[in-house]
C-alpha atoms as a PDB file:
ATOM      1  CA  MET A   1       0.000   0.000   0.000  1.00  0.00           C
ATOM      2  CA  LYS A   2       1.429   3.349  -1.062  1.00  0.00           C
ATOM      3  CA  SER A   3       1.517   6.079   1.569  1.00  0.00           C
ATOM      4  CA  VAL A   4      -0.397   9.286   0.999  1.00  0.00           C
ATOM      5  CA  CYS A   5      -0.236  12.588   2.834  1.00  0.00           C
ATOM      6  CA  LYS A   6      -2.720  12.743   5.700  1.00  0.00           C
ATOM      7  CA  TYR A   7      -3.205  16.499   5.178  1.00  0.00           C
ATOM      8  CA  CYS A   8      -3.608  16.948   1.423  1.00  0.00           C
ATOM      9  CA  GLY A   9      -3.767  13.368   0.086  1.00  0.00           C
ATOM     10  CA  GLY A  10      -0.713  13.935  -2.113  1.00  0.00           C
ATOM     11  CA  LYS A  11       1.504  11.052  -3.150  1.00  0.00           C
ATOM     12  CA  GLN A  12       4.796  12.941  -3.448  1.00  0.00           C
ATOM     13  CA  LEU A  13       6.287  11.850  -0.139  1.00  0.00           C
ATOM     14  CA  VAL A  14       9.914  11.862   0.923  1.00  0.00           C
ATOM     15  CA  ARG A  15      11.226   9.688   3.743  1.00  0.00           C
ATOM     16  CA  TRP A  16      12.552  11.733   6.651  1.00  0.00           C
ATOM     17  CA  GLY A  17      14.001   9.111   8.942  1.00  0.00           C
ATOM     18  CA  GLY A  18      12.402   5.848   9.993  1.00  0.00           C
ATOM     19  CA  ARG A  19       8.674   6.588  10.263  1.00  0.00           C
ATOM     20  CA  ARG A  20       8.595  10.254   9.306  1.00  0.00           C
ATOM     21  CA  ARG A  21       7.418  11.433   5.867  1.00  0.00           C
ATOM     22  CA  TYR A  22       7.550  14.853   4.239  1.00  0.00           C
ATOM     23  CA  CYS A  23       4.955  15.996   1.698  1.00  0.00           C
ATOM     24  CA  SER A  24       6.439  18.463  -0.779  1.00  0.00           C
ATOM     25  CA  PRO A  25       3.118  19.897  -2.150  1.00  0.00           C
ATOM     26  CA  CYS A  26       1.749  20.944   1.244  1.00  0.00           C
ATOM     27  CA  ASP A  27       5.198  21.424   2.892  1.00  0.00           C
ATOM     28  CA  ARG A  28       4.342  19.361   5.978  1.00  0.00           C
ATOM     29  CA  SER A  29       5.834  16.353   7.704  1.00  0.00           C
ATOM     30  CA  PHE A  30       4.031  13.633   9.629  1.00  0.00           C
ATOM     31  CA  ARG A  31       4.571  10.242  11.197  1.00  0.00           C
ATOM     32  CA  VAL A  32       3.251   7.049   9.597  1.00  0.00           C
ATOM     33  CA  PRO A  33       2.010   4.113  11.710  1.00  0.00           C
ATOM     34  CA  LYS A  34       4.492   1.463  12.684  1.00  0.00           C
ATOM     35  CA  ALA A  35       4.169  -1.725  10.638  1.00  0.00           C
ATOM     36  CA  GLY A  36       4.420  -5.278  11.854  1.00  0.00           C
ATOM     37  CA  ARG A  37       3.309  -7.274  14.844  1.00  0.00           C
ATOM     38  CA  LYS A  38       3.176  -5.786  18.300  1.00  0.00           C
ATOM     39  CA  PRO A  39       5.690  -7.355  20.662  1.00  0.00           C
ATOM     40  CA  SER A  40       4.237  -9.877  23.068  1.00  0.00           C
ATOM     41  CA  ARG A  41       4.262  -8.728  26.648  1.00  0.00           C
ATOM     42  CA  GLY A  42       6.049 -10.737  29.279  1.00  0.00           C
ATOM     43  CA  ARG A  43       2.934 -10.594  31.446  1.00  0.00           C
ATOM     44  CA  ASP A  44       0.834 -12.301  28.789  1.00  0.00           C
ATOM     45  CA  MET A  45       3.487 -14.903  28.151  1.00  0.00           C
ATOM     46  CA  TYR A  46       3.766 -15.645  31.875  1.00  0.00           C
ATOM     47  CA  LEU A  47       0.070 -15.625  32.826  1.00  0.00           C
ATOM     48  CA  LEU A  48      -1.696 -16.840  29.688  1.00  0.00           C
ATOM     49  CA  ASP A  49       0.896 -19.121  28.107  1.00  0.00           C
ATOM     50  CA  ARG A  50       2.122 -20.333  31.514  1.00  0.00           C
ATOM     51  CA  SER A  51       5.691 -19.918  30.383  1.00  0.00           C
ATOM     52  CA  THR A  52       8.583 -19.755  32.860  1.00  0.00           C
ATOM     53  CA  TYR A  53      10.691 -16.657  33.486  1.00  0.00           C
ATOM     54  CA  ARG A  54      13.761 -18.361  32.058  1.00  0.00           C
ATOM     55  CA  ARG A  55      11.926 -19.426  28.896  1.00  0.00           C
ATOM     56  CA  ILE A  56      10.578 -15.887  28.369  1.00  0.00           C
ATOM     57  CA  GLY A  57      14.073 -14.504  28.957  1.00  0.00           C
ATOM     58  CA  HIS A  58      15.499 -16.901  26.403  1.00  0.00           C
ATOM     59  CA  LYS A  59      12.868 -15.864  23.814  1.00  0.00           C
ATOM     60  CA  LYS A  60      13.345 -12.134  24.404  1.00  0.00           C
ATOM     61  CA  LYS A  61      17.123 -12.400  24.894  1.00  0.00           C
ATOM     62  CA  HIS A  62      17.041 -10.910  28.418  1.00  0.00           C
ATOM     63  CA  SER A  63      18.006 -12.342  31.760  1.00  0.00           C
ATOM     64  CA  HIS A  64      15.322 -14.067  33.797  1.00  0.00           C
ATOM     65  CA  ILE A  65      15.825 -11.486  36.564  1.00  0.00           C
ATOM     66  CA  ALA A  66      14.952  -8.652  34.154  1.00  0.00           C
ATOM     67  CA  ILE A  67      11.872 -10.599  33.047  1.00  0.00           C
ATOM     68  CA  ILE A  68      10.760 -11.059  36.684  1.00  0.00           C
ATOM     69  CA  LYS A  69      11.044  -7.313  37.304  1.00  0.00           C
ATOM     70  CA  ASN A  70       9.206  -6.420  34.084  1.00  0.00           C
ATOM     71  CA  VAL A  71       6.383  -8.901  34.691  1.00  0.00           C
ATOM     72  CA  GLN A  72       5.912  -7.646  38.255  1.00  0.00           C
ATOM     73  CA  LYS A  73       5.851  -4.057  36.985  1.00  0.00           C
ATOM     74  CA  GLU A  74       3.213  -4.952  34.359  1.00  0.00           C
ATOM     75  CA  ILE A  75       1.070  -6.925  36.825  1.00  0.00           C
ATOM     76  CA  LYS A  76       1.068  -4.236  39.533  1.00  0.00           C
ATOM     77  CA  PRO A  77      -1.719  -2.030  38.037  1.00  0.00           C
ATOM     78  CA  ILE A  78      -4.066  -5.008  37.508  1.00  0.00           C
ATOM     79  CA  ALA A  79      -6.880  -5.111  40.071  1.00  0.00           C
ATOM     80  CA  THR A  80      -7.016  -8.173  42.289  1.00  0.00           C
ATOM     81  CA  PRO A  81     -10.230  -9.888  43.433  1.00  0.00           C
ATOM     82  CA  THR A  82      -9.783  -8.407  46.921  1.00  0.00           C
ATOM     83  CA  ASP A  83      -9.773  -4.919  45.375  1.00  0.00           C
ATOM     84  CA  TRP A  84     -13.176  -5.662  43.837  1.00  0.00           C
ATOM     85  CA  LEU A  85     -14.532  -6.725  47.225  1.00  0.00           C
ATOM     86  CA  LYS A  86     -13.290  -3.523  48.867  1.00  0.00           C
ATOM     87  CA  LYS A  87     -15.137  -1.353  46.330  1.00  0.00           C
ATOM     88  CA  THR A  88     -18.577  -2.777  47.162  1.00  0.00           C
END
């Protein structure tokens, strides 16, 4: 799919870096959406796939200690069942 300018619809675009494009007719630059799959989150891999910290670390090429810290950081904002009971 060919990119078009989001302001004027022109097709004369110039790449300005990785995701930035410049439209010469309207003299504006803008960012295009990132292509590809979104990276899987360690939290989802740990909770849903029931994968171990070491296995996730091996897949993402990080240490298992870094994965533990990241998963705990991602899980922290999730409400627990006791939080639901406190609200009622």
